[in-house]
Each structure stands twice: as C-alpha cells, then as structure tokens.
Amino acid sequence: MTKRKRKQHEPMSGAVDQTAFENAIRDNLSPEGVAALIALLQIADNYRNGSPENERAINQVNWFRETLLDMIGVEEFNDLINEIGL
C-alpha cells in the first residue's frame, strides 16, 4: 500500500463559497439532522494527538461543527437535541 502525498493546507477560514455551502446544507439536511451532526462532532477534540495532520483534520471538523451551529443557533440546537433524544 502506497502512501499518498499530503498537501499542506492553510487553516480553515470558511467554505470557498459560504452561501452555496449553507444552501446545500439547508437543501439536503433537516434541522434535526444538523443538530445530530453537531452533537456527534462535539467529541472530535477527544481525538487530538498533536500531529500536524491530526490538528488540521480536527480544526476542519471544529470549523464544520461551528458553521452548522451558527446556522441553526444554540437555542434551536438545544431544543432539537432534546426533541431527538441525544
């Protein structure tokens, strides 16, 4: 098995087209689905190991989680989590 070359990436600062990204999320996921994703992504920080590749990956997961949370808001997130039993 060969290792693929890893490209060095800049830290995540947002989607290339944030509006299109958010529209795609809204068009394809229910608010309950977004809340479930946020809840499940919250544990990502437990998997930090200090390597540069790991840090980039976890930072991207954290960016995704925070973007989703910004889209539905904390109060709606809390209500939905209770509603779906997570």
N, C-alpha and C. Protein backbone atom coordinates (compact mmCIF):
# COMPACT_ATOMS: atom_id res chain seq x y z
N MET A 1 0.85 -1.18 0.00
CA MET A 1 0.00 0.00 0.00
C MET A 1 0.89 1.23 0.00
N THR A 2 0.67 2.12 -0.93
CA THR A 2 1.49 3.32 -1.00
C THR A 2 0.79 4.46 -0.28
N LYS A 3 1.63 5.30 0.32
CA LYS A 3 1.07 6.47 0.98
C LYS A 3 0.88 7.57 -0.06
N ARG A 4 -0.24 8.25 0.04
CA ARG A 4 -0.44 9.36 -0.87
C ARG A 4 0.24 10.60 -0.30
N LYS A 5 0.68 11.47 -1.19
CA LYS A 5 1.31 12.71 -0.75
C LYS A 5 0.25 13.60 -0.14
N ARG A 6 0.62 14.22 0.94
CA ARG A 6 -0.30 15.14 1.60
C ARG A 6 0.04 16.56 1.20
N LYS A 7 -0.98 17.30 0.84
CA LYS A 7 -0.78 18.70 0.53
C LYS A 7 -0.85 19.50 1.82
N GLN A 8 -0.05 20.53 1.91
CA GLN A 8 -0.12 21.44 3.04
C GLN A 8 -1.27 22.40 2.78
N HIS A 9 -2.16 22.54 3.73
CA HIS A 9 -3.31 23.42 3.57
C HIS A 9 -3.25 24.53 4.60
N GLU A 10 -3.81 25.64 4.23
CA GLU A 10 -3.94 26.74 5.17
C GLU A 10 -5.05 26.40 6.15
N PRO A 11 -5.06 27.02 7.33
CA PRO A 11 -6.14 26.77 8.29
C PRO A 11 -7.50 27.10 7.67
N MET A 12 -8.51 26.39 8.11
CA MET A 12 -9.86 26.60 7.58
C MET A 12 -10.38 27.97 8.03
N SER A 13 -10.88 28.73 7.10
CA SER A 13 -11.46 30.02 7.45
C SER A 13 -12.87 30.15 6.91
N GLY A 14 -13.36 29.13 6.28
CA GLY A 14 -14.71 29.15 5.74
C GLY A 14 -14.75 28.42 4.42
N ALA A 15 -15.94 28.17 3.97
CA ALA A 15 -16.11 27.50 2.69
C ALA A 15 -15.68 28.44 1.57
N VAL A 16 -15.30 27.88 0.45
CA VAL A 16 -14.90 28.69 -0.70
C VAL A 16 -16.07 29.61 -1.08
N ASP A 17 -17.26 29.07 -1.08
CA ASP A 17 -18.48 29.84 -1.32
C ASP A 17 -19.43 29.53 -0.17
N GLN A 18 -19.33 30.33 0.88
CA GLN A 18 -20.08 30.07 2.11
C GLN A 18 -21.59 30.02 1.87
N THR A 19 -22.10 30.91 1.05
CA THR A 19 -23.54 30.93 0.77
C THR A 19 -23.98 29.64 0.10
N ALA A 20 -23.24 29.20 -0.90
CA ALA A 20 -23.58 27.95 -1.59
C ALA A 20 -23.48 26.77 -0.64
N PHE A 21 -22.47 26.78 0.21
CA PHE A 21 -22.29 25.71 1.19
C PHE A 21 -23.50 25.64 2.12
N GLU A 22 -23.89 26.78 2.68
CA GLU A 22 -25.03 26.80 3.60
C GLU A 22 -26.33 26.42 2.89
N ASN A 23 -26.50 26.85 1.65
CA ASN A 23 -27.70 26.47 0.90
C ASN A 23 -27.74 24.96 0.67
N ALA A 24 -26.59 24.37 0.38
CA ALA A 24 -26.54 22.91 0.18
C ALA A 24 -26.91 22.18 1.46
N ILE A 25 -26.44 22.66 2.60
CA ILE A 25 -26.79 22.06 3.89
C ILE A 25 -28.30 22.17 4.11
N ARG A 26 -28.85 23.36 3.92
CA ARG A 26 -30.28 23.56 4.14
C ARG A 26 -31.14 22.74 3.18
N ASP A 27 -30.67 22.59 1.95
CA ASP A 27 -31.43 21.84 0.95
C ASP A 27 -31.40 20.33 1.18
N ASN A 28 -30.39 19.85 1.89
CA ASN A 28 -30.19 18.40 2.00
C ASN A 28 -30.33 17.82 3.40
N LEU A 29 -30.33 18.66 4.42
CA LEU A 29 -30.41 18.16 5.79
C LEU A 29 -31.53 18.85 6.55
N SER A 30 -32.23 18.07 7.35
CA SER A 30 -33.27 18.64 8.21
C SER A 30 -32.59 19.33 9.39
N PRO A 31 -33.30 20.22 10.09
CA PRO A 31 -32.73 20.80 11.30
C PRO A 31 -32.34 19.73 12.33
N GLU A 32 -33.13 18.66 12.40
CA GLU A 32 -32.81 17.57 13.32
C GLU A 32 -31.51 16.88 12.92
N GLY A 33 -31.32 16.69 11.62
CA GLY A 33 -30.08 16.09 11.13
C GLY A 33 -28.87 16.97 11.43
N VAL A 34 -29.03 18.27 11.26
CA VAL A 34 -27.94 19.21 11.56
C VAL A 34 -27.62 19.16 13.05
N ALA A 35 -28.64 19.14 13.90
CA ALA A 35 -28.40 19.07 15.35
C ALA A 35 -27.68 17.78 15.73
N ALA A 36 -28.07 16.67 15.12
CA ALA A 36 -27.40 15.40 15.40
C ALA A 36 -25.94 15.45 14.98
N LEU A 37 -25.67 16.01 13.81
CA LEU A 37 -24.28 16.15 13.36
C LEU A 37 -23.46 16.99 14.34
N ILE A 38 -24.01 18.11 14.76
CA ILE A 38 -23.30 18.97 15.70
C ILE A 38 -22.96 18.19 16.96
N ALA A 39 -23.95 17.49 17.51
CA ALA A 39 -23.74 16.73 18.75
C ALA A 39 -22.65 15.68 18.56
N LEU A 40 -22.68 14.99 17.44
CA LEU A 40 -21.71 13.92 17.22
C LEU A 40 -20.32 14.47 16.91
N LEU A 41 -20.24 15.66 16.33
CA LEU A 41 -18.95 16.26 16.03
C LEU A 41 -18.29 16.89 17.26
N GLN A 42 -19.06 17.10 18.33
CA GLN A 42 -18.52 17.73 19.53
C GLN A 42 -17.41 16.91 20.18
N ILE A 43 -17.38 15.62 19.94
CA ILE A 43 -16.37 14.78 20.57
C ILE A 43 -15.04 14.77 19.82
N ALA A 44 -14.95 15.49 18.71
CA ALA A 44 -13.74 15.46 17.87
C ALA A 44 -12.49 15.83 18.65
N ASP A 45 -12.58 16.77 19.57
CA ASP A 45 -11.39 17.19 20.32
C ASP A 45 -10.80 16.06 21.16
N ASN A 46 -11.57 15.03 21.44
CA ASN A 46 -11.05 13.88 22.18
C ASN A 46 -10.03 13.09 21.37
N TYR A 47 -9.95 13.35 20.08
CA TYR A 47 -9.09 12.56 19.20
C TYR A 47 -7.85 13.33 18.74
N ARG A 48 -7.47 14.37 19.45
CA ARG A 48 -6.24 15.10 19.12
C ARG A 48 -5.04 14.26 19.53
N ASN A 49 -4.03 14.22 18.64
CA ASN A 49 -2.80 13.51 19.01
C ASN A 49 -1.56 14.36 18.83
N GLY A 50 -1.73 15.62 18.43
CA GLY A 50 -0.62 16.54 18.35
C GLY A 50 0.11 16.57 17.01
N SER A 51 -0.18 15.63 16.13
CA SER A 51 0.50 15.66 14.82
C SER A 51 -0.11 16.79 13.98
N PRO A 52 0.67 17.36 13.09
CA PRO A 52 0.14 18.44 12.24
C PRO A 52 -1.07 17.98 11.41
N GLU A 53 -1.02 16.75 10.90
CA GLU A 53 -2.14 16.24 10.10
C GLU A 53 -3.40 16.11 10.94
N ASN A 54 -3.24 15.60 12.14
CA ASN A 54 -4.37 15.44 13.05
C ASN A 54 -4.95 16.80 13.42
N GLU A 55 -4.08 17.75 13.72
CA GLU A 55 -4.55 19.08 14.10
C GLU A 55 -5.34 19.73 12.97
N ARG A 56 -4.86 19.61 11.74
CA ARG A 56 -5.59 20.16 10.60
C ARG A 56 -6.95 19.50 10.46
N ALA A 57 -6.98 18.19 10.59
CA ALA A 57 -8.25 17.46 10.46
C ALA A 57 -9.24 17.87 11.54
N ILE A 58 -8.78 17.91 12.79
CA ILE A 58 -9.67 18.28 13.89
C ILE A 58 -10.12 19.72 13.76
N ASN A 59 -9.24 20.60 13.32
CA ASN A 59 -9.63 22.00 13.10
C ASN A 59 -10.71 22.11 12.03
N GLN A 60 -10.63 21.29 10.99
CA GLN A 60 -11.65 21.30 9.96
C GLN A 60 -12.98 20.79 10.50
N VAL A 61 -12.94 19.75 11.31
CA VAL A 61 -14.16 19.23 11.93
C VAL A 61 -14.77 20.30 12.84
N ASN A 62 -13.92 20.97 13.61
CA ASN A 62 -14.42 22.03 14.50
C ASN A 62 -15.03 23.18 13.71
N TRP A 63 -14.40 23.55 12.58
CA TRP A 63 -14.97 24.60 11.73
C TRP A 63 -16.34 24.17 11.22
N PHE A 64 -16.46 22.94 10.77
CA PHE A 64 -17.73 22.43 10.26
C PHE A 64 -18.80 22.47 11.34
N ARG A 65 -18.46 21.99 12.54
CA ARG A 65 -19.40 22.00 13.66
C ARG A 65 -19.86 23.41 13.98
N GLU A 66 -18.92 24.35 14.08
CA GLU A 66 -19.27 25.72 14.43
C GLU A 66 -20.11 26.39 13.33
N THR A 67 -19.82 26.07 12.09
CA THR A 67 -20.61 26.60 10.98
C THR A 67 -22.05 26.11 11.07
N LEU A 68 -22.21 24.82 11.34
CA LEU A 68 -23.56 24.26 11.49
C LEU A 68 -24.29 24.89 12.67
N LEU A 69 -23.58 25.06 13.77
CA LEU A 69 -24.19 25.65 14.96
C LEU A 69 -24.61 27.10 14.70
N ASP A 70 -23.78 27.84 13.98
CA ASP A 70 -24.14 29.21 13.62
C ASP A 70 -25.39 29.24 12.74
N MET A 71 -25.55 28.22 11.91
CA MET A 71 -26.70 28.18 11.01
C MET A 71 -28.02 27.98 11.76
N ILE A 72 -28.02 27.13 12.79
CA ILE A 72 -29.30 26.88 13.48
C ILE A 72 -29.42 27.61 14.80
N GLY A 73 -28.33 28.05 15.37
CA GLY A 73 -28.35 28.77 16.64
C GLY A 73 -28.34 27.83 17.83
N VAL A 74 -27.80 28.31 18.92
CA VAL A 74 -27.62 27.49 20.12
C VAL A 74 -28.96 27.09 20.73
N GLU A 75 -29.89 28.01 20.81
CA GLU A 75 -31.19 27.69 21.42
C GLU A 75 -31.93 26.62 20.62
N GLU A 76 -31.95 26.78 19.29
CA GLU A 76 -32.59 25.78 18.42
C GLU A 76 -31.88 24.43 18.54
N PHE A 77 -30.54 24.46 18.59
CA PHE A 77 -29.77 23.24 18.77
C PHE A 77 -30.19 22.52 20.05
N ASN A 78 -30.23 23.25 21.15
CA ASN A 78 -30.62 22.64 22.43
C ASN A 78 -32.03 22.06 22.40
N ASP A 79 -32.95 22.80 21.78
CA ASP A 79 -34.33 22.29 21.66
C ASP A 79 -34.39 21.02 20.82
N LEU A 80 -33.66 21.01 19.70
CA LEU A 80 -33.68 19.86 18.82
C LEU A 80 -33.01 18.65 19.45
N ILE A 81 -31.94 18.85 20.18
CA ILE A 81 -31.26 17.75 20.86
C ILE A 81 -32.21 17.06 21.85
N ASN A 82 -32.95 17.88 22.57
CA ASN A 82 -33.94 17.32 23.50
C ASN A 82 -35.05 16.58 22.74
N GLU A 83 -35.48 17.16 21.64
CA GLU A 83 -36.56 16.58 20.83
C GLU A 83 -36.16 15.21 20.25
N ILE A 84 -34.91 15.10 19.77
CA ILE A 84 -34.50 13.84 19.15
C ILE A 84 -33.82 12.88 20.11
N GLY A 85 -33.67 13.31 21.36
CA GLY A 85 -33.20 12.40 22.39
C GLY A 85 -31.70 12.17 22.42
N LEU A 86 -30.93 13.14 22.01
CA LEU A 86 -29.47 12.99 22.10
C LEU A 86 -28.92 13.78 23.28
